[in-house]
Amino acid sequence: MTDGRSNRGISEDLYISEKTVKNHVSNILQKMNVNDRTQAVVTAIKNGWVLVR
């Protein structure tokens, strides 16, 4: 998600279905208590969970 990949792009990279990616993303958003992918990425960067290139 931090690379701006779509669900389809992620599914192709991981060789899993797009629906599986959607489920994982939904779970991540819920666990992080955020409303969308952008908030999730910002939160991850602020907490040092991912590095900005």
N, C-alpha and C. Protein backbone atom coordinates (compact mmCIF):
# COMPACT_ATOMS: atom_id res chain seq x y z
N MET A 1 0.81 -1.19 0.00
CA MET A 1 0.00 0.00 0.00
C MET A 1 0.86 1.26 0.00
N THR A 2 2.01 1.20 0.68
CA THR A 2 2.85 2.40 0.75
C THR A 2 3.44 2.79 -0.59
N ASP A 3 3.49 1.85 -1.52
CA ASP A 3 3.99 2.16 -2.85
C ASP A 3 2.89 2.67 -3.77
N GLY A 4 1.67 2.80 -3.24
CA GLY A 4 0.55 3.29 -4.04
C GLY A 4 -0.04 2.25 -4.96
N ARG A 5 0.24 0.99 -4.70
CA ARG A 5 -0.26 -0.08 -5.55
C ARG A 5 -1.76 -0.29 -5.35
N SER A 6 -2.43 -0.64 -6.40
CA SER A 6 -3.85 -0.97 -6.33
C SER A 6 -4.01 -2.37 -5.78
N ASN A 7 -5.23 -2.71 -5.40
CA ASN A 7 -5.49 -4.08 -4.94
C ASN A 7 -5.11 -5.08 -6.02
N ARG A 8 -5.42 -4.76 -7.25
CA ARG A 8 -5.08 -5.65 -8.35
C ARG A 8 -3.57 -5.82 -8.48
N GLY A 9 -2.83 -4.72 -8.38
CA GLY A 9 -1.38 -4.78 -8.48
C GLY A 9 -0.78 -5.61 -7.36
N ILE A 10 -1.29 -5.42 -6.15
CA ILE A 10 -0.81 -6.20 -5.01
C ILE A 10 -1.12 -7.67 -5.21
N SER A 11 -2.33 -7.96 -5.68
CA SER A 11 -2.72 -9.37 -5.88
C SER A 11 -1.84 -10.04 -6.92
N GLU A 12 -1.47 -9.31 -7.96
CA GLU A 12 -0.60 -9.88 -8.99
C GLU A 12 0.80 -10.15 -8.44
N ASP A 13 1.30 -9.22 -7.62
CA ASP A 13 2.63 -9.39 -7.04
C ASP A 13 2.69 -10.58 -6.08
N LEU A 14 1.60 -10.79 -5.34
CA LEU A 14 1.59 -11.83 -4.31
C LEU A 14 0.96 -13.14 -4.78
N TYR A 15 0.46 -13.15 -6.01
CA TYR A 15 -0.19 -14.34 -6.57
C TYR A 15 -1.37 -14.80 -5.71
N ILE A 16 -2.17 -13.83 -5.28
CA ILE A 16 -3.40 -14.12 -4.55
C ILE A 16 -4.54 -13.36 -5.23
N SER A 17 -5.77 -13.69 -4.88
CA SER A 17 -6.90 -13.03 -5.53
C SER A 17 -7.05 -11.59 -5.04
N GLU A 18 -7.66 -10.77 -5.88
CA GLU A 18 -7.91 -9.38 -5.53
C GLU A 18 -8.84 -9.31 -4.31
N LYS A 19 -9.78 -10.23 -4.22
CA LYS A 19 -10.69 -10.27 -3.07
C LYS A 19 -9.92 -10.51 -1.77
N THR A 20 -8.93 -11.39 -1.81
CA THR A 20 -8.10 -11.65 -0.63
C THR A 20 -7.37 -10.39 -0.21
N VAL A 21 -6.84 -9.66 -1.17
CA VAL A 21 -6.16 -8.39 -0.87
C VAL A 21 -7.14 -7.42 -0.22
N LYS A 22 -8.35 -7.30 -0.79
CA LYS A 22 -9.35 -6.40 -0.22
C LYS A 22 -9.65 -6.76 1.22
N ASN A 23 -9.77 -8.05 1.50
CA ASN A 23 -10.02 -8.50 2.87
C ASN A 23 -8.87 -8.13 3.80
N HIS A 24 -7.64 -8.34 3.34
CA HIS A 24 -6.47 -8.00 4.16
C HIS A 24 -6.39 -6.50 4.41
N VAL A 25 -6.63 -5.71 3.37
CA VAL A 25 -6.59 -4.26 3.51
C VAL A 25 -7.66 -3.80 4.50
N SER A 26 -8.85 -4.34 4.39
CA SER A 26 -9.93 -3.98 5.33
C SER A 26 -9.54 -4.31 6.76
N ASN A 27 -8.94 -5.48 6.95
CA ASN A 27 -8.49 -5.87 8.29
C ASN A 27 -7.41 -4.93 8.83
N ILE A 28 -6.49 -4.56 7.96
CA ILE A 28 -5.42 -3.64 8.36
C ILE A 28 -6.01 -2.29 8.77
N LEU A 29 -6.93 -1.76 7.97
CA LEU A 29 -7.54 -0.47 8.28
C LEU A 29 -8.27 -0.52 9.61
N GLN A 30 -9.00 -1.60 9.84
CA GLN A 30 -9.75 -1.75 11.08
C GLN A 30 -8.81 -1.83 12.28
N LYS A 31 -7.76 -2.62 12.18
CA LYS A 31 -6.82 -2.77 13.29
C LYS A 31 -6.05 -1.48 13.57
N MET A 32 -5.81 -0.69 12.53
CA MET A 32 -5.10 0.58 12.71
C MET A 32 -6.05 1.70 13.12
N ASN A 33 -7.36 1.42 13.09
CA ASN A 33 -8.38 2.40 13.44
C ASN A 33 -8.32 3.64 12.54
N VAL A 34 -8.21 3.38 11.23
CA VAL A 34 -8.21 4.44 10.23
C VAL A 34 -9.30 4.15 9.20
N ASN A 35 -9.64 5.17 8.42
CA ASN A 35 -10.76 5.05 7.48
C ASN A 35 -10.36 4.70 6.06
N ASP A 36 -9.11 4.97 5.69
CA ASP A 36 -8.72 4.69 4.30
C ASP A 36 -7.23 4.39 4.21
N ARG A 37 -6.83 4.00 3.00
CA ARG A 37 -5.45 3.61 2.75
C ARG A 37 -4.47 4.74 3.02
N THR A 38 -4.87 5.96 2.66
CA THR A 38 -3.99 7.10 2.85
C THR A 38 -3.68 7.31 4.33
N GLN A 39 -4.71 7.25 5.17
CA GLN A 39 -4.51 7.38 6.60
C GLN A 39 -3.63 6.25 7.13
N ALA A 40 -3.81 5.07 6.61
CA ALA A 40 -2.99 3.93 7.04
C ALA A 40 -1.52 4.16 6.70
N VAL A 41 -1.25 4.63 5.50
CA VAL A 41 0.13 4.87 5.09
C VAL A 41 0.75 5.99 5.91
N VAL A 42 0.02 7.08 6.12
CA VAL A 42 0.53 8.19 6.93
C VAL A 42 0.84 7.71 8.34
N THR A 43 -0.05 6.95 8.93
CA THR A 43 0.16 6.42 10.28
C THR A 43 1.38 5.52 10.32
N ALA A 44 1.53 4.68 9.32
CA ALA A 44 2.68 3.77 9.26
C ALA A 44 3.99 4.54 9.16
N ILE A 45 4.01 5.61 8.37
CA ILE A 45 5.22 6.42 8.23
C ILE A 45 5.53 7.14 9.54
N LYS A 46 4.50 7.74 10.15
CA LYS A 46 4.70 8.47 11.41
C LYS A 46 5.23 7.56 12.51
N ASN A 47 4.81 6.31 12.52
CA ASN A 47 5.23 5.37 13.56
C ASN A 47 6.53 4.64 13.21
N GLY A 48 7.10 4.92 12.05
CA GLY A 48 8.35 4.30 11.65
C GLY A 48 8.20 2.85 11.21
N TRP A 49 6.98 2.45 10.86
CA TRP A 49 6.74 1.07 10.42
C TRP A 49 7.21 0.86 8.99
N VAL A 50 7.29 1.92 8.22
CA VAL A 50 7.80 1.87 6.85
C VAL A 50 8.73 3.05 6.66
N LEU A 51 9.66 2.90 5.74
CA LEU A 51 10.58 3.99 5.43
C LEU A 51 10.16 4.65 4.13
N VAL A 52 10.32 5.95 4.08
CA VAL A 52 10.02 6.69 2.86
C VAL A 52 11.30 6.74 2.04
N ARG A 53 11.19 6.35 0.79
CA ARG A 53 12.38 6.31 -0.08
C ARG A 53 12.71 7.66 -0.62
